[in-house]
């Protein structure tokens, strides 16, 4: 599956993947790593909210 198609079909998973890649790619740069960890926590929080809303809609 081409990368652009994956991004369109799975936008949340793509963001999670990019967050994890960024965490490990920028590991030597501690400030970037801390920012990415905060973004990861925010991303997981939003993902949980989306899942909760989806379950309530069903």
N, C-alpha and C. Protein backbone atom coordinates (compact mmCIF):
# COMPACT_ATOMS: atom_id res chain seq x y z
N UNK A 1 0.85 -1.17 0.00
CA UNK A 1 0.00 0.00 0.00
C UNK A 1 0.90 1.24 0.00
N UNK A 2 0.70 2.12 -0.96
CA UNK A 2 1.53 3.34 -1.00
C UNK A 2 1.33 4.19 0.25
N UNK A 3 2.33 4.95 0.59
CA UNK A 3 2.32 5.74 1.81
C UNK A 3 1.16 6.73 1.86
N UNK A 4 0.88 7.42 0.76
CA UNK A 4 -0.21 8.40 0.74
C UNK A 4 -1.56 7.72 0.95
N UNK A 5 -1.75 6.56 0.37
CA UNK A 5 -3.00 5.83 0.53
C UNK A 5 -3.18 5.41 1.99
N UNK A 6 -2.09 4.96 2.62
CA UNK A 6 -2.12 4.58 4.03
C UNK A 6 -2.51 5.78 4.89
N UNK A 7 -1.93 6.95 4.60
CA UNK A 7 -2.24 8.16 5.36
C UNK A 7 -3.72 8.50 5.27
N UNK A 8 -4.30 8.33 4.08
CA UNK A 8 -5.72 8.65 3.89
C UNK A 8 -6.62 7.64 4.60
N UNK A 9 -6.26 6.37 4.54
CA UNK A 9 -7.09 5.32 5.13
C UNK A 9 -6.94 5.23 6.65
N UNK A 10 -5.76 5.54 7.15
CA UNK A 10 -5.48 5.38 8.58
C UNK A 10 -4.79 6.62 9.15
N UNK A 11 -5.48 7.75 9.19
CA UNK A 11 -4.81 8.97 9.65
C UNK A 11 -4.34 8.92 11.10
N UNK A 12 -5.12 8.30 11.97
CA UNK A 12 -4.73 8.24 13.39
C UNK A 12 -3.54 7.31 13.56
N UNK A 13 -3.58 6.13 12.94
CA UNK A 13 -2.45 5.21 13.05
C UNK A 13 -1.19 5.83 12.44
N UNK A 14 -1.35 6.59 11.37
CA UNK A 14 -0.21 7.26 10.76
C UNK A 14 0.41 8.25 11.75
N UNK A 15 -0.41 9.02 12.46
CA UNK A 15 0.11 9.98 13.43
C UNK A 15 0.80 9.26 14.59
N UNK A 16 0.22 8.17 15.05
CA UNK A 16 0.85 7.39 16.13
C UNK A 16 2.21 6.88 15.66
N UNK A 17 2.25 6.36 14.45
CA UNK A 17 3.51 5.85 13.89
C UNK A 17 4.54 6.96 13.80
N UNK A 18 4.13 8.12 13.29
CA UNK A 18 5.07 9.24 13.16
C UNK A 18 5.57 9.70 14.52
N UNK A 19 4.70 9.67 15.53
CA UNK A 19 5.11 10.07 16.88
C UNK A 19 6.18 9.12 17.41
N UNK A 20 5.94 7.82 17.27
CA UNK A 20 6.92 6.85 17.75
C UNK A 20 8.23 6.94 16.98
N UNK A 21 8.15 7.11 15.68
CA UNK A 21 9.37 7.25 14.87
C UNK A 21 10.13 8.49 15.32
N UNK A 22 9.40 9.57 15.54
CA UNK A 22 10.04 10.80 16.00
C UNK A 22 10.69 10.65 17.37
N UNK A 23 10.02 9.91 18.26
CA UNK A 23 10.59 9.69 19.59
C UNK A 23 11.95 9.02 19.52
N UNK A 24 12.05 8.01 18.70
CA UNK A 24 13.29 7.24 18.65
C UNK A 24 14.32 7.85 17.71
N UNK A 25 13.88 8.60 16.72
CA UNK A 25 14.81 9.25 15.80
C UNK A 25 15.50 10.42 16.49
N UNK A 26 14.76 11.16 17.30
CA UNK A 26 15.30 12.34 17.95
C UNK A 26 15.77 12.07 19.38
N UNK A 27 16.03 10.85 19.69
CA UNK A 27 16.39 10.49 21.05
C UNK A 27 17.56 11.30 21.62
N UNK A 28 18.62 11.55 20.85
CA UNK A 28 19.73 12.33 21.43
C UNK A 28 19.33 13.76 21.80
N UNK A 29 18.35 14.30 21.13
CA UNK A 29 17.91 15.66 21.41
C UNK A 29 16.82 15.61 22.47
N UNK A 30 17.18 15.83 23.70
CA UNK A 30 16.27 15.62 24.84
C UNK A 30 15.05 16.55 24.81
N UNK A 31 15.23 17.80 24.41
CA UNK A 31 14.08 18.72 24.38
C UNK A 31 13.05 18.27 23.35
N UNK A 32 13.50 17.86 22.19
CA UNK A 32 12.58 17.35 21.17
C UNK A 32 11.88 16.09 21.68
N UNK A 33 12.64 15.24 22.34
CA UNK A 33 12.07 14.00 22.87
C UNK A 33 10.98 14.30 23.89
N UNK A 34 11.22 15.25 24.77
CA UNK A 34 10.21 15.61 25.77
C UNK A 34 8.95 16.16 25.10
N UNK A 35 9.12 17.00 24.08
CA UNK A 35 7.97 17.53 23.36
C UNK A 35 7.19 16.41 22.68
N UNK A 36 7.91 15.48 22.08
CA UNK A 36 7.25 14.37 21.40
C UNK A 36 6.51 13.47 22.38
N UNK A 37 7.06 13.28 23.57
CA UNK A 37 6.38 12.47 24.58
C UNK A 37 5.08 13.15 25.00
N UNK A 38 5.11 14.47 25.16
CA UNK A 38 3.88 15.20 25.50
C UNK A 38 2.86 15.08 24.36
N UNK A 39 3.33 15.19 23.12
CA UNK A 39 2.43 15.04 21.98
C UNK A 39 1.85 13.63 21.91
N UNK A 40 2.67 12.64 22.25
CA UNK A 40 2.19 11.26 22.25
C UNK A 40 1.08 11.09 23.28
N UNK A 41 1.25 11.66 24.46
CA UNK A 41 0.22 11.56 25.49
C UNK A 41 -1.07 12.25 25.04
N UNK A 42 -0.94 13.40 24.40
CA UNK A 42 -2.11 14.11 23.89
C UNK A 42 -2.79 13.30 22.80
N UNK A 43 -1.99 12.70 21.93
CA UNK A 43 -2.53 11.88 20.85
C UNK A 43 -3.30 10.68 21.40
N UNK A 44 -2.76 10.02 22.41
CA UNK A 44 -3.45 8.88 23.01
C UNK A 44 -4.75 9.33 23.69
N UNK A 45 -4.71 10.49 24.32
CA UNK A 45 -5.91 11.01 24.97
C UNK A 45 -7.01 11.27 23.93
N UNK A 46 -6.63 11.91 22.82
CA UNK A 46 -7.61 12.20 21.77
C UNK A 46 -8.13 10.91 21.13
N UNK A 47 -7.26 9.93 20.96
CA UNK A 47 -7.67 8.65 20.40
C UNK A 47 -8.69 7.97 21.31
N UNK A 48 -8.46 8.03 22.62
CA UNK A 48 -9.41 7.45 23.56
C UNK A 48 -10.75 8.17 23.50
N UNK A 49 -10.73 9.50 23.36
CA UNK A 49 -11.97 10.26 23.23
C UNK A 49 -12.73 9.87 21.97
N UNK A 50 -11.99 9.70 20.87
CA UNK A 50 -12.63 9.28 19.61
C UNK A 50 -13.25 7.90 19.73
N UNK A 51 -12.53 6.98 20.35
CA UNK A 51 -13.06 5.63 20.53
C UNK A 51 -14.30 5.64 21.42
N UNK A 52 -14.27 6.45 22.48
CA UNK A 52 -15.41 6.56 23.38
C UNK A 52 -16.62 7.13 22.64
N UNK A 53 -16.41 8.17 21.85
CA UNK A 53 -17.50 8.79 21.09
C UNK A 53 -18.05 7.82 20.06
N UNK A 54 -17.18 7.05 19.43
CA UNK A 54 -17.61 6.08 18.44
C UNK A 54 -18.46 4.98 19.10
N UNK A 55 -18.03 4.52 20.27
CA UNK A 55 -18.77 3.49 20.98
C UNK A 55 -20.12 4.00 21.46
N UNK A 56 -20.19 5.26 21.88
CA UNK A 56 -21.46 5.84 22.32
C UNK A 56 -22.42 6.01 21.15
N UNK A 57 -21.89 6.27 19.97
CA UNK A 57 -22.73 6.46 18.78
C UNK A 57 -23.35 5.15 18.32
N UNK A 58 -22.72 4.05 18.66
CA UNK A 58 -23.22 2.74 18.22
C UNK A 58 -24.35 2.30 19.04
